[in-house]
Amino acid sequence: MLAKTKVSIAIACWDDVAEVEKNLLWQDLVHKFEITPNTERIRKKVLSHIATRWRDFKARLTRLYVFGDRQHDTPCEKYKISEEEWMQFRACRESGDWQEKRTAAQQRQMLNDTPHVLSRGGYALLEKKLKKSRA
């Protein structure tokens, strides 16, 4: 939620986000959750997690509002995105370069013959079930 509201979706990738913005995100988290010890290793891990969630958010916007069922709707009010920012994001996603990347990624994914299918238990539960069935 923090990255959604503080980092523009018009920025192409997390590496392009200004270090000042990343520092502000970190300071907000430190003050809100009283993170101790406040080390660089923890900061990197937390910011990495924020980056992942930010990319997921942008992917969801693309899947639903640019190419999906809600193409004629706008997420501006729901996610507090400015109209200008949304138009930049949408134009970027509809550009030829980005379409080529998207198509190439979809083609690679179709070649995946072992998709991730584990449910809530993860590998730990799967191992228990396999051991039980072999016994």
C-alpha atoms as a PDB file:
ATOM      1  CA  MET A   1       0.000   0.000   0.000  1.00  0.00           C
ATOM      2  CA  LEU A   2       2.865   2.340   0.808  1.00  0.00           C
ATOM      3  CA  ALA A   3       4.521   2.112  -2.612  1.00  0.00           C
ATOM      4  CA  LYS A   4       1.155   2.413  -4.391  1.00  0.00           C
ATOM      5  CA  THR A   5       0.541   5.802  -2.824  1.00  0.00           C
ATOM      6  CA  LYS A   6       4.079   7.215  -2.751  1.00  0.00           C
ATOM      7  CA  VAL A   7       5.735   5.945  -5.954  1.00  0.00           C
ATOM      8  CA  SER A   8       4.428   6.930  -9.373  1.00  0.00           C
ATOM      9  CA  ILE A   9       3.225   4.144 -11.655  1.00  0.00           C
ATOM     10  CA  ALA A  10       4.603   6.130 -14.596  1.00  0.00           C
ATOM     11  CA  ILE A  11       8.147   5.187 -13.544  1.00  0.00           C
ATOM     12  CA  ALA A  12       9.314   2.321 -15.748  1.00  0.00           C
ATOM     13  CA  CYS A  13      11.148   0.184 -13.181  1.00  0.00           C
ATOM     14  CA  TRP A  14      12.167   0.192  -9.515  1.00  0.00           C
ATOM     15  CA  ASP A  15      15.780   1.041 -10.394  1.00  0.00           C
ATOM     16  CA  ASP A  16      14.512   4.344 -11.832  1.00  0.00           C
ATOM     17  CA  VAL A  17      12.832   5.351  -8.558  1.00  0.00           C
ATOM     18  CA  ALA A  18      14.842   8.146  -6.980  1.00  0.00           C
ATOM     19  CA  GLU A  19      16.903   7.231  -3.948  1.00  0.00           C
ATOM     20  CA  VAL A  20      15.200  10.089  -2.089  1.00  0.00           C
ATOM     21  CA  GLU A  21      11.814   8.394  -2.547  1.00  0.00           C
ATOM     22  CA  LYS A  22      13.199   5.062  -1.361  1.00  0.00           C
ATOM     23  CA  ASN A  23      14.651   6.773   1.716  1.00  0.00           C
ATOM     24  CA  LEU A  24      11.278   8.384   2.459  1.00  0.00           C
ATOM     25  CA  LEU A  25       9.555   4.999   2.196  1.00  0.00           C
ATOM     26  CA  TRP A  26      12.119   3.500   4.573  1.00  0.00           C
ATOM     27  CA  GLN A  27      11.773   6.367   7.064  1.00  0.00           C
ATOM     28  CA  ASP A  28       7.975   6.012   7.048  1.00  0.00           C
ATOM     29  CA  LEU A  29       8.309   2.317   7.818  1.00  0.00           C
ATOM     30  CA  VAL A  30      10.875   2.845  10.554  1.00  0.00           C
ATOM     31  CA  HIS A  31       8.661   5.401  12.282  1.00  0.00           C
ATOM     32  CA  LYS A  32       5.467   3.407  11.896  1.00  0.00           C
ATOM     33  CA  PHE A  33       6.791  -0.022  12.904  1.00  0.00           C
ATOM     34  CA  GLU A  34       9.803   0.920  15.050  1.00  0.00           C
ATOM     35  CA  ILE A  35      12.185  -1.381  13.190  1.00  0.00           C
ATOM     36  CA  THR A  36      15.235  -2.279  15.239  1.00  0.00           C
ATOM     37  CA  PRO A  37      18.002  -2.881  14.563  1.00  0.00           C
ATOM     38  CA  ASN A  38      17.905  -0.380  11.749  1.00  0.00           C
ATOM     39  CA  THR A  39      20.581  -1.942   9.513  1.00  0.00           C
ATOM     40  CA  GLU A  40      21.317  -1.565   5.819  1.00  0.00           C
ATOM     41  CA  ARG A  41      20.652  -5.291   5.299  1.00  0.00           C
ATOM     42  CA  ILE A  42      17.124  -5.010   6.693  1.00  0.00           C
ATOM     43  CA  ARG A  43      16.537  -1.834   4.680  1.00  0.00           C
ATOM     44  CA  LYS A  44      17.522  -3.573   1.431  1.00  0.00           C
ATOM     45  CA  LYS A  45      15.312  -6.569   2.176  1.00  0.00           C
ATOM     46  CA  VAL A  46      12.286  -4.434   3.026  1.00  0.00           C
ATOM     47  CA  LEU A  47      12.747  -2.186  -0.014  1.00  0.00           C
ATOM     48  CA  SER A  48      13.112  -5.279  -2.184  1.00  0.00           C
ATOM     49  CA  HIS A  49       9.785  -6.544  -0.874  1.00  0.00           C
ATOM     50  CA  ILE A  50       8.182  -3.149  -1.530  1.00  0.00           C
ATOM     51  CA  ALA A  51       9.573  -3.220  -5.087  1.00  0.00           C
ATOM     52  CA  THR A  52       8.003  -6.633  -5.671  1.00  0.00           C
ATOM     53  CA  ARG A  53       4.602  -5.443  -4.437  1.00  0.00           C
ATOM     54  CA  TRP A  54       4.874  -2.291  -6.579  1.00  0.00           C
ATOM     55  CA  ARG A  55       5.593  -4.370  -9.697  1.00  0.00           C
ATOM     56  CA  ASP A  56       2.683  -6.674  -8.833  1.00  0.00           C
ATOM     57  CA  PHE A  57       0.403  -3.651  -8.515  1.00  0.00           C
ATOM     58  CA  LYS A  58       1.476  -2.333 -11.922  1.00  0.00           C
ATOM     59  CA  ALA A  59       0.983  -5.793 -13.452  1.00  0.00           C
ATOM     60  CA  ARG A  60      -2.526  -5.976 -11.958  1.00  0.00           C
ATOM     61  CA  LEU A  61      -3.384  -2.540 -13.366  1.00  0.00           C
ATOM     62  CA  THR A  62      -2.120  -3.651 -16.764  1.00  0.00           C
ATOM     63  CA  ARG A  63      -3.977  -6.966 -16.672  1.00  0.00           C
ATOM     64  CA  LEU A  64      -7.291  -5.487 -15.534  1.00  0.00           C
ATOM     65  CA  TYR A  65      -7.466  -1.901 -16.779  1.00  0.00           C
ATOM     66  CA  VAL A  66      -5.306  -1.853 -19.908  1.00  0.00           C
ATOM     67  CA  PHE A  67      -5.996  -5.258 -21.481  1.00  0.00           C
ATOM     68  CA  GLY A  68      -8.689  -6.833 -19.308  1.00  0.00           C
ATOM     69  CA  ASP A  69     -12.367  -6.617 -18.486  1.00  0.00           C
ATOM     70  CA  ARG A  70     -12.159  -3.087 -17.090  1.00  0.00           C
ATOM     71  CA  GLN A  71     -10.567  -1.427 -20.136  1.00  0.00           C
ATOM     72  CA  HIS A  72     -13.236   1.247 -20.242  1.00  0.00           C
ATOM     73  CA  ASP A  73     -12.984   2.014 -16.520  1.00  0.00           C
ATOM     74  CA  THR A  74     -10.378   4.092 -14.768  1.00  0.00           C
ATOM     75  CA  PRO A  75      -8.572   3.079 -11.563  1.00  0.00           C
ATOM     76  CA  CYS A  76      -7.801   6.705 -10.680  1.00  0.00           C
ATOM     77  CA  GLU A  77     -10.398   7.144  -7.955  1.00  0.00           C
ATOM     78  CA  LYS A  78      -9.983   3.674  -6.468  1.00  0.00           C
ATOM     79  CA  TYR A  79      -6.187   3.884  -6.169  1.00  0.00           C
ATOM     80  CA  LYS A  80      -5.828   7.687  -5.909  1.00  0.00           C
ATOM     81  CA  ILE A  81      -3.873   7.972  -9.159  1.00  0.00           C
ATOM     82  CA  SER A  82      -3.896  11.262 -11.048  1.00  0.00           C
ATOM     83  CA  GLU A  83      -5.525  11.208 -14.476  1.00  0.00           C
ATOM     84  CA  GLU A  84      -2.293  12.416 -16.091  1.00  0.00           C
ATOM     85  CA  GLU A  85      -0.260   9.670 -14.416  1.00  0.00           C
ATOM     86  CA  TRP A  86      -2.790   7.037 -15.527  1.00  0.00           C
ATOM     87  CA  MET A  87      -2.722   8.272 -19.131  1.00  0.00           C
ATOM     88  CA  GLN A  88       1.112   8.095 -19.145  1.00  0.00           C
ATOM     89  CA  PHE A  89       1.043   4.572 -17.716  1.00  0.00           C
ATOM     90  CA  ARG A  90      -1.608   3.401 -20.173  1.00  0.00           C
ATOM     91  CA  ALA A  91       0.232   4.932 -23.153  1.00  0.00           C
ATOM     92  CA  CYS A  92       3.433   3.208 -22.055  1.00  0.00           C
ATOM     93  CA  ARG A  93       1.671  -0.165 -21.789  1.00  0.00           C
ATOM     94  CA  GLU A  94       0.037   0.252 -25.197  1.00  0.00           C
ATOM     95  CA  SER A  95       3.280   1.226 -26.949  1.00  0.00           C
ATOM     96  CA  GLY A  96       4.815  -1.100 -29.523  1.00  0.00           C
ATOM     97  CA  ASP A  97       8.011  -1.706 -27.536  1.00  0.00           C
ATOM     98  CA  TRP A  98       6.132  -2.775 -24.442  1.00  0.00           C
ATOM     99  CA  GLN A  99       3.782  -4.960 -26.500  1.00  0.00           C
ATOM    100  CA  GLU A 100       6.782  -6.799 -27.937  1.00  0.00           C
ATOM    101  CA  LYS A 101       8.139  -7.456 -24.428  1.00  0.00           C
ATOM    102  CA  ARG A 102       4.712  -8.623 -23.274  1.00  0.00           C
ATOM    103  CA  THR A 103       4.278 -10.990 -26.218  1.00  0.00           C
ATOM    104  CA  ALA A 104       7.789 -12.414 -25.741  1.00  0.00           C
ATOM    105  CA  ALA A 105       7.102 -13.029 -22.034  1.00  0.00           C
ATOM    106  CA  GLN A 106       3.786 -14.733 -22.857  1.00  0.00           C
ATOM    107  CA  GLN A 107       5.531 -16.978 -25.392  1.00  0.00           C
ATOM    108  CA  ARG A 108       8.182 -17.954 -22.811  1.00  0.00           C
ATOM    109  CA  GLN A 109       5.486 -18.697 -20.249  1.00  0.00           C
ATOM    110  CA  MET A 110       3.676 -21.012 -22.678  1.00  0.00           C
ATOM    111  CA  LEU A 111       6.849 -23.114 -22.841  1.00  0.00           C
ATOM    112  CA  ASN A 112       6.733 -23.676 -19.071  1.00  0.00           C
ATOM    113  CA  ASP A 113       5.780 -27.339 -18.764  1.00  0.00           C
ATOM    114  CA  THR A 114       5.904 -27.351 -14.947  1.00  0.00           C
ATOM    115  CA  PRO A 115       3.776 -24.469 -13.659  1.00  0.00           C
ATOM    116  CA  HIS A 116       3.692 -23.669  -9.961  1.00  0.00           C
ATOM    117  CA  VAL A 117       0.709 -25.569  -8.545  1.00  0.00           C
ATOM    118  CA  LEU A 118       1.374 -25.819  -4.820  1.00  0.00           C
ATOM    119  CA  SER A 119      -1.376 -24.609  -2.544  1.00  0.00           C
ATOM    120  CA  ARG A 120      -1.396 -23.217   0.973  1.00  0.00           C
ATOM    121  CA  GLY A 121       0.932 -25.745   2.589  1.00  0.00           C
ATOM    122  CA  GLY A 122       3.840 -25.130   0.245  1.00  0.00           C
ATOM    123  CA  TYR A 123       6.748 -27.542  -0.037  1.00  0.00           C
ATOM    124  CA  ALA A 124       6.675 -28.494   3.655  1.00  0.00           C
ATOM    125  CA  LEU A 125       3.155 -29.927   3.379  1.00  0.00           C
ATOM    126  CA  LEU A 126       3.962 -31.550   0.039  1.00  0.00           C
ATOM    127  CA  GLU A 127       6.972 -33.322   1.577  1.00  0.00           C
ATOM    128  CA  LYS A 128       4.835 -34.605   4.455  1.00  0.00           C
ATOM    129  CA  LYS A 129       2.233 -35.947   2.018  1.00  0.00           C
ATOM    130  CA  LEU A 130       4.892 -37.630  -0.122  1.00  0.00           C
ATOM    131  CA  LYS A 131       6.509 -39.257   2.920  1.00  0.00           C
ATOM    132  CA  LYS A 132       3.110 -40.448   4.113  1.00  0.00           C
ATOM    133  CA  SER A 133       2.230 -41.922   0.719  1.00  0.00           C
ATOM    134  CA  ARG A 134       5.594 -43.726   0.454  1.00  0.00           C
ATOM    135  CA  ALA A 135       5.333 -45.222   3.940  1.00  0.00           C
END
